Protein backbone atom coordinates (compact mmCIF):
# COMPACT_ATOMS: atom_id res chain seq x y z
CA MET A 1 -141.92 -99.92 36.56
CA LYS A 2 -143.21 -103.36 35.72
CA LEU A 3 -140.86 -106.30 35.97
CA SER A 4 -141.44 -107.35 32.36
CA LYS A 5 -140.47 -103.89 31.10
CA LEU A 6 -137.30 -103.98 33.20
CA ILE A 7 -136.36 -107.39 31.80
CA ILE A 8 -136.86 -106.13 28.23
CA GLN A 9 -134.62 -103.13 28.93
CA LYS A 10 -131.89 -105.39 30.33
CA LYS A 11 -132.08 -107.59 27.22
CA GLU A 12 -131.75 -104.54 24.97
CA VAL A 13 -128.70 -103.33 26.90
CA ALA A 14 -127.14 -106.77 26.59
CA ARG A 15 -127.87 -106.92 22.82
CA LYS A 16 -126.35 -103.49 22.24
CA ALA A 17 -123.27 -104.38 24.28
CA LEU A 18 -122.76 -107.60 22.29
CA LYS A 19 -123.25 -105.72 19.02
CA ASN A 20 -120.63 -103.15 20.05
CA ASP A 21 -118.19 -105.88 21.12
CA ILE A 22 -118.59 -107.70 17.80
CA ALA A 23 -118.04 -104.46 15.85
CA ALA A 24 -114.87 -103.73 17.84
CA MET A 25 -113.61 -107.27 17.27
CA LYS A 26 -114.15 -106.96 13.51
CA LYS A 27 -112.24 -103.66 13.47
CA ARG A 28 -109.32 -105.24 15.33
CA GLN A 29 -109.25 -108.14 12.85
CA LEU A 30 -109.20 -105.72 9.92
CA LEU A 31 -106.40 -103.69 11.47
CA LYS A 32 -104.30 -106.86 11.81
CA LEU A 33 -104.43 -107.18 8.00
CA ARG A 34 -102.99 -103.70 7.46
CA GLY A 35 -99.91 -103.91 5.26
CA LYS A 36 -100.36 -107.64 4.64
CA VAL A 37 -102.77 -107.53 1.71
CA ILE A 38 -101.28 -106.93 -1.73
CA TRP A 39 -103.39 -104.85 -4.12
CA GLU A 40 -103.86 -106.28 -7.58
CA GLY A 41 -105.83 -104.23 -10.04
CA ASN A 42 -106.19 -100.90 -11.74
CA LEU A 43 -107.89 -98.40 -9.46
CA LYS A 44 -108.29 -95.83 -12.22
CA GLU A 45 -110.10 -98.38 -14.37
CA MET A 46 -112.35 -99.50 -11.51
CA ARG A 47 -113.36 -95.92 -10.73
CA SER A 48 -114.39 -95.25 -14.32
CA ILE A 49 -117.03 -98.01 -14.29
């Protein structure tokens, strides 16, 4: 395997790992909001649009 191909594969692995870490962090932040956000609106009305 050529060195350049190996470097590209390592970069892809690193990108995917960072993407997964960011997604997990966003999920944790959303879960922290659970029960803290007050709903204001009419769901029935919104669904009819």
